[in-house]
Amino acid sequence: MRFTINRTNSAEPCLDEISVFNPKGENVALGGVPTSSGDFPNSPIHKLVHINDGKFGNGRSWVSS
């Protein structure tokens, strides 16, 4: 999956969790290796590895730079 964020309504864009389900209902995003062109610096709770870790909530989200 690839997507582009062109703008936001206020601050940096934030994504809580990306899930991609196959026909069997399995979340195949859990096995993916995420990449980005920019990550929010120096934040222990807003890391790219949180984008597809299977856990929901702002405390484990990804924020772009």
PDB file of N, CA and C in Angstrom:
ATOM      1  N   MET A   1       0.847  -1.157   0.000  1.00  0.00           N
ATOM      2  CA  MET A   1       0.000   0.000   0.000  1.00  0.00           C
ATOM      3  C   MET A   1       0.901   1.230   0.000  1.00  0.00           C
ATOM      4  N   ARG A   2       0.497   2.223  -0.738  1.00  0.00           N
ATOM      5  CA  ARG A   2       1.221   3.500  -0.741  1.00  0.00           C
ATOM      6  C   ARG A   2       0.187   4.617  -0.743  1.00  0.00           C
ATOM      7  N   PHE A   3       0.471   5.653   0.014  1.00  0.00           N
ATOM      8  CA  PHE A   3      -0.409   6.813   0.003  1.00  0.00           C
ATOM      9  C   PHE A   3       0.408   8.071   0.210  1.00  0.00           C
ATOM     10  N   THR A   4      -0.176   9.189  -0.185  1.00  0.00           N
ATOM     11  CA  THR A   4       0.472  10.494  -0.066  1.00  0.00           C
ATOM     12  C   THR A   4      -0.437  11.411   0.730  1.00  0.00           C
ATOM     13  N   ILE A   5       0.138  12.095   1.697  1.00  0.00           N
ATOM     14  CA  ILE A   5      -0.602  13.103   2.469  1.00  0.00           C
ATOM     15  C   ILE A   5      -0.207  14.459   1.910  1.00  0.00           C
ATOM     16  N   ASN A   6      -1.149  15.152   1.312  1.00  0.00           N
ATOM     17  CA  ASN A   6      -0.862  16.440   0.690  1.00  0.00           C
ATOM     18  C   ASN A   6      -1.011  17.617   1.642  1.00  0.00           C
ATOM     19  N   ARG A   7      -1.909  17.495   2.608  1.00  0.00           N
ATOM     20  CA  ARG A   7      -2.099  18.573   3.572  1.00  0.00           C
ATOM     21  C   ARG A   7      -2.919  18.079   4.755  1.00  0.00           C
ATOM     22  N   THR A   8      -2.918  18.874   5.797  1.00  0.00           N
ATOM     23  CA  THR A   8      -3.729  18.568   6.973  1.00  0.00           C
ATOM     24  C   THR A   8      -4.584  19.777   7.305  1.00  0.00           C
ATOM     25  N   ASN A   9      -5.455  19.627   8.293  1.00  0.00           N
ATOM     26  CA  ASN A   9      -6.301  20.750   8.683  1.00  0.00           C
ATOM     27  C   ASN A   9      -5.689  21.584   9.799  1.00  0.00           C
ATOM     28  N   SER A  10      -4.546  21.110  10.370  1.00  0.00           N
ATOM     29  CA  SER A  10      -3.908  21.930  11.408  1.00  0.00           C
ATOM     30  C   SER A  10      -2.423  21.596  11.535  1.00  0.00           C
ATOM     31  N   ALA A  11      -2.072  20.543  12.244  1.00  0.00           N
ATOM     32  CA  ALA A  11      -0.667  20.233  12.529  1.00  0.00           C
ATOM     33  C   ALA A  11      -0.176  19.084  11.640  1.00  0.00           C
ATOM     34  N   GLU A  12       0.831  18.365  12.117  1.00  0.00           N
ATOM     35  CA  GLU A  12       1.393  17.250  11.369  1.00  0.00           C
ATOM     36  C   GLU A  12       0.359  16.137  11.228  1.00  0.00           C
ATOM     37  N   PRO A  13       0.404  15.395  10.107  1.00  0.00           N
ATOM     38  CA  PRO A  13      -0.531  14.287   9.944  1.00  0.00           C
ATOM     39  C   PRO A  13      -0.200  13.140  10.897  1.00  0.00           C
ATOM     40  N   CYS A  14      -1.236  12.492  11.412  1.00  0.00           N
ATOM     41  CA  CYS A  14      -1.078  11.387  12.359  1.00  0.00           C
ATOM     42  C   CYS A  14      -1.965  10.224  11.926  1.00  0.00           C
ATOM     43  N   LEU A  15      -1.391   9.014  11.953  1.00  0.00           N
ATOM     44  CA  LEU A  15      -2.153   7.798  11.671  1.00  0.00           C
ATOM     45  C   LEU A  15      -2.041   6.865  12.867  1.00  0.00           C
ATOM     46  N   ASP A  16      -3.169   6.347  13.282  1.00  0.00           N
ATOM     47  CA  ASP A  16      -3.192   5.458  14.434  1.00  0.00           C
ATOM     48  C   ASP A  16      -2.740   4.054  14.043  1.00  0.00           C
ATOM     49  N   GLU A  17      -3.382   3.447  13.082  1.00  0.00           N
ATOM     50  CA  GLU A  17      -3.079   2.060  12.720  1.00  0.00           C
ATOM     51  C   GLU A  17      -3.541   1.809  11.297  1.00  0.00           C
ATOM     52  N   ILE A  18      -2.734   1.092  10.529  1.00  0.00           N
ATOM     53  CA  ILE A  18      -3.118   0.648   9.194  1.00  0.00           C
ATOM     54  C   ILE A  18      -3.337  -0.856   9.265  1.00  0.00           C
ATOM     55  N   SER A  19      -4.518  -1.281   8.829  1.00  0.00           N
ATOM     56  CA  SER A  19      -4.842  -2.699   8.773  1.00  0.00           C
ATOM     57  C   SER A  19      -5.256  -3.030   7.344  1.00  0.00           C
ATOM     58  N   VAL A  20      -4.752  -4.141   6.829  1.00  0.00           N
ATOM     59  CA  VAL A  20      -5.108  -4.627   5.497  1.00  0.00           C
ATOM     60  C   VAL A  20      -5.484  -6.095   5.655  1.00  0.00           C
ATOM     61  N   PHE A  21      -6.721  -6.428   5.298  1.00  0.00           N
ATOM     62  CA  PHE A  21      -7.211  -7.785   5.516  1.00  0.00           C
ATOM     63  C   PHE A  21      -7.308  -8.562   4.206  1.00  0.00           C
ATOM     64  N   ASN A  22      -6.844  -9.810   4.229  1.00  0.00           N
ATOM     65  CA  ASN A  22      -6.974 -10.690   3.071  1.00  0.00           C
ATOM     66  C   ASN A  22      -8.340 -11.365   3.112  1.00  0.00           C
ATOM     67  N   PRO A  23      -8.704 -12.152   2.100  1.00  0.00           N
ATOM     68  CA  PRO A  23     -10.021 -12.793   2.091  1.00  0.00           C
ATOM     69  C   PRO A  23     -10.288 -13.710   3.291  1.00  0.00           C
ATOM     70  N   LYS A  24      -9.253 -14.197   3.942  1.00  0.00           N
ATOM     71  CA  LYS A  24      -9.420 -15.045   5.122  1.00  0.00           C
ATOM     72  C   LYS A  24      -9.667 -14.226   6.395  1.00  0.00           C
ATOM     73  N   GLY A  25      -9.589 -12.893   6.280  1.00  0.00           N
ATOM     74  CA  GLY A  25      -9.785 -12.028   7.437  1.00  0.00           C
ATOM     75  C   GLY A  25      -8.528 -11.779   8.240  1.00  0.00           C
ATOM     76  N   GLU A  26      -7.380 -12.174   7.719  1.00  0.00           N
ATOM     77  CA  GLU A  26      -6.104 -11.971   8.417  1.00  0.00           C
ATOM     78  C   GLU A  26      -5.549 -10.589   8.105  1.00  0.00           C
ATOM     79  N   ASN A  27      -5.021  -9.926   9.099  1.00  0.00           N
ATOM     80  CA  ASN A  27      -4.421  -8.609   8.915  1.00  0.00           C
ATOM     81  C   ASN A  27      -3.004  -8.779   8.369  1.00  0.00           C
ATOM     82  N   VAL A  28      -2.843  -8.679   7.062  1.00  0.00           N
ATOM     83  CA  VAL A  28      -1.545  -8.889   6.438  1.00  0.00           C
ATOM     84  C   VAL A  28      -0.619  -7.678   6.585  1.00  0.00           C
ATOM     85  N   ALA A  29      -1.145  -6.571   7.062  1.00  0.00           N
ATOM     86  CA  ALA A  29      -0.297  -5.404   7.309  1.00  0.00           C
ATOM     87  C   ALA A  29       0.666  -5.650   8.459  1.00  0.00           C
ATOM     88  N   LEU A  30       0.341  -6.580   9.348  1.00  0.00           N
ATOM     89  CA  LEU A  30       1.207  -6.858  10.496  1.00  0.00           C
ATOM     90  C   LEU A  30       2.580  -7.362  10.068  1.00  0.00           C
ATOM     91  N   GLY A  31       2.697  -7.966   8.912  1.00  0.00           N
ATOM     92  CA  GLY A  31       3.984  -8.483   8.443  1.00  0.00           C
ATOM     93  C   GLY A  31       4.746  -7.506   7.580  1.00  0.00           C
ATOM     94  N   GLY A  32       4.183  -6.335   7.338  1.00  0.00           N
ATOM     95  CA  GLY A  32       4.817  -5.360   6.453  1.00  0.00           C
ATOM     96  C   GLY A  32       5.900  -4.549   7.139  1.00  0.00           C
ATOM     97  N   VAL A  33       6.788  -4.000   6.329  1.00  0.00           N
ATOM     98  CA  VAL A  33       7.856  -3.121   6.831  1.00  0.00           C
ATOM     99  C   VAL A  33       7.542  -1.711   6.342  1.00  0.00           C
ATOM    100  N   PRO A  34       7.098  -0.837   7.243  1.00  0.00           N
ATOM    101  CA  PRO A  34       6.719   0.517   6.821  1.00  0.00           C
ATOM    102  C   PRO A  34       7.930   1.395   6.526  1.00  0.00           C
ATOM    103  N   THR A  35       7.755   2.307   5.584  1.00  0.00           N
ATOM    104  CA  THR A  35       8.750   3.335   5.282  1.00  0.00           C
ATOM    105  C   THR A  35       8.015   4.662   5.137  1.00  0.00           C
ATOM    106  N   SER A  36       8.727   5.743   5.336  1.00  0.00           N
ATOM    107  CA  SER A  36       8.119   7.067   5.151  1.00  0.00           C
ATOM    108  C   SER A  36       9.188   8.045   4.696  1.00  0.00           C
ATOM    109  N   SER A  37       8.739   9.164   4.179  1.00  0.00           N
ATOM    110  CA  SER A  37       9.683  10.200   3.754  1.00  0.00           C
ATOM    111  C   SER A  37       9.949  11.210   4.862  1.00  0.00           C
ATOM    112  N   GLY A  38       9.278  11.055   6.016  1.00  0.00           N
ATOM    113  CA  GLY A  38       9.519  11.965   7.125  1.00  0.00           C
ATOM    114  C   GLY A  38       8.774  11.548   8.371  1.00  0.00           C
ATOM    115  N   ASP A  39       9.474  11.510   9.483  1.00  0.00           N
ATOM    116  CA  ASP A  39       8.886  11.126  10.764  1.00  0.00           C
ATOM    117  C   ASP A  39       9.046  12.256  11.777  1.00  0.00           C
ATOM    118  N   PHE A  40       8.071  12.367  12.674  1.00  0.00           N
ATOM    119  CA  PHE A  40       8.110  13.361  13.741  1.00  0.00           C
ATOM    120  C   PHE A  40       9.303  13.047  14.651  1.00  0.00           C
ATOM    121  N   PRO A  41      10.188  14.004  14.862  1.00  0.00           N
ATOM    122  CA  PRO A  41      11.415  13.732  15.614  1.00  0.00           C
ATOM    123  C   PRO A  41      11.219  13.672  17.133  1.00  0.00           C
ATOM    124  N   ASN A  42      12.028  12.866  17.776  1.00  0.00           N
ATOM    125  CA  ASN A  42      12.154  12.837  19.247  1.00  0.00           C
ATOM    126  C   ASN A  42      10.861  12.572  20.000  1.00  0.00           C
ATOM    127  N   SER A  43      10.050  11.663  19.507  1.00  0.00           N
ATOM    128  CA  SER A  43       8.808  11.335  20.192  1.00  0.00           C
ATOM    129  C   SER A  43       8.730   9.827  20.400  1.00  0.00           C
ATOM    130  N   PRO A  44       8.724   9.370  21.640  1.00  0.00           N
ATOM    131  CA  PRO A  44       8.670   7.926  21.892  1.00  0.00           C
ATOM    132  C   PRO A  44       7.321   7.284  21.558  1.00  0.00           C
ATOM    133  N   ILE A  45       6.265   8.083  21.471  1.00  0.00           N
ATOM    134  CA  ILE A  45       4.944   7.504  21.207  1.00  0.00           C
ATOM    135  C   ILE A  45       4.492   7.635  19.761  1.00  0.00           C
ATOM    136  N   HIS A  46       5.132   8.445  18.957  1.00  0.00           N
ATOM    137  CA  HIS A  46       4.713   8.667  17.564  1.00  0.00           C
ATOM    138  C   HIS A  46       5.777   8.155  16.596  1.00  0.00           C
ATOM    139  N   LYS A  47       5.974   6.851  16.567  1.00  0.00           N
ATOM    140  CA  LYS A  47       7.013   6.234  15.740  1.00  0.00           C
ATOM    141  C   LYS A  47       6.392   5.459  14.580  1.00  0.00           C
ATOM    142  N   LEU A  48       7.136   5.360  13.503  1.00  0.00           N
ATOM    143  CA  LEU A  48       6.654   4.662  12.320  1.00  0.00           C
ATOM    144  C   LEU A  48       6.362   3.184  12.603  1.00  0.00           C
ATOM    145  N   VAL A  49       7.116   2.551  13.468  1.00  0.00           N
ATOM    146  CA  VAL A  49       6.882   1.126  13.769  1.00  0.00           C
ATOM    147  C   VAL A  49       5.508   0.886  14.393  1.00  0.00           C
ATOM    148  N   HIS A  50       4.875   1.922  14.902  1.00  0.00           N
ATOM    149  CA  HIS A  50       3.553   1.793  15.513  1.00  0.00           C
ATOM    150  C   HIS A  50       2.429   1.752  14.484  1.00  0.00           C
ATOM    151  N   ILE A  51       2.732   2.080  13.225  1.00  0.00           N
ATOM    152  CA  ILE A  51       1.672   2.220  12.226  1.00  0.00           C
ATOM    153  C   ILE A  51       1.000   0.896  11.868  1.00  0.00           C
ATOM    154  N   ASN A  52       1.697  -0.217  12.071  1.00  0.00           N
ATOM    155  CA  ASN A  52       1.089  -1.516  11.767  1.00  0.00           C
ATOM    156  C   ASN A  52       1.485  -2.567  12.805  1.00  0.00           C
ATOM    157  N   ASP A  53       1.407  -2.178  14.065  1.00  0.00           N
ATOM    158  CA  ASP A  53       1.773  -3.104  15.150  1.00  0.00           C
ATOM    159  C   ASP A  53       0.568  -3.829  15.754  1.00  0.00           C
ATOM    160  N   GLY A  54      -0.628  -3.536  15.243  1.00  0.00           N
ATOM    161  CA  GLY A  54      -1.825  -4.201  15.739  1.00  0.00           C
ATOM    162  C   GLY A  54      -2.398  -3.596  17.004  1.00  0.00           C
ATOM    163  N   LYS A  55      -1.826  -2.501  17.460  1.00  0.00           N
ATOM    164  CA  LYS A  55      -2.302  -1.838  18.681  1.00  0.00           C
ATOM    165  C   LYS A  55      -2.865  -0.471  18.318  1.00  0.00           C
ATOM    166  N   PHE A  56      -3.994  -0.143  18.932  1.00  0.00           N
ATOM    167  CA  PHE A  56      -4.689   1.097  18.598  1.00  0.00           C
ATOM    168  C   PHE A  56      -4.550   2.123  19.722  1.00  0.00           C
ATOM    169  N   GLY A  57      -4.640   3.397  19.356  1.00  0.00           N
ATOM    170  CA  GLY A  57      -4.589   4.485  20.317  1.00  0.00           C
ATOM    171  C   GLY A  57      -3.510   5.475  19.995  1.00  0.00           C
ATOM    172  N   ASN A  58      -3.742   6.711  20.328  1.00  0.00           N
ATOM    173  CA  ASN A  58      -2.795   7.781  20.009  1.00  0.00           C
ATOM    174  C   ASN A  58      -1.418   7.567  20.641  1.00  0.00           C
ATOM    175  N   GLY A  59      -1.345   6.837  21.727  1.00  0.00           N
ATOM    176  CA  GLY A  59      -0.078   6.577  22.383  1.00  0.00           C
ATOM    177  C   GLY A  59       0.834   5.650  21.613  1.00  0.00           C
ATOM    178  N   ARG A  60       0.338   5.081  20.508  1.00  0.00           N
ATOM    179  CA  ARG A  60       1.146   4.209  19.642  1.00  0.00           C
ATOM    180  C   ARG A  60       0.841   4.537  18.186  1.00  0.00           C
ATOM    181  N   SER A  61       0.844   5.800  17.857  1.00  0.00           N
ATOM    182  CA  SER A  61       0.547   6.238  16.494  1.00  0.00           C
ATOM    183  C   SER A  61       1.810   6.733  15.802  1.00  0.00           C
ATOM    184  N   TRP A  62       1.668   7.019  14.511  1.00  0.00           N
ATOM    185  CA  TRP A  62       2.769   7.582  13.729  1.00  0.00           C
ATOM    186  C   TRP A  62       2.410   9.008  13.357  1.00  0.00           C
ATOM    187  N   VAL A  63       3.359   9.914  13.496  1.00  0.00           N
ATOM    188  CA  VAL A  63       3.181  11.304  13.092  1.00  0.00           C
ATOM    189  C   VAL A  63       4.276  11.631  12.099  1.00  0.00           C
ATOM    190  N   SER A  64       3.863  12.240  11.003  1.00  0.00           N
ATOM    191  CA  SER A  64       4.801  12.656   9.958  1.00  0.00           C
ATOM    192  C   SER A  64       5.480  13.969  10.354  1.00  0.00           C
ATOM    193  N   SER A  65       6.626  14.209   9.736  1.00  0.00           N
ATOM    194  CA  SER A  65       7.324  15.492   9.979  1.00  0.00           C
ATOM    195  C   SER A  65       6.700  16.589   9.155  1.00  0.00           C
TER     196      SER A  65
END
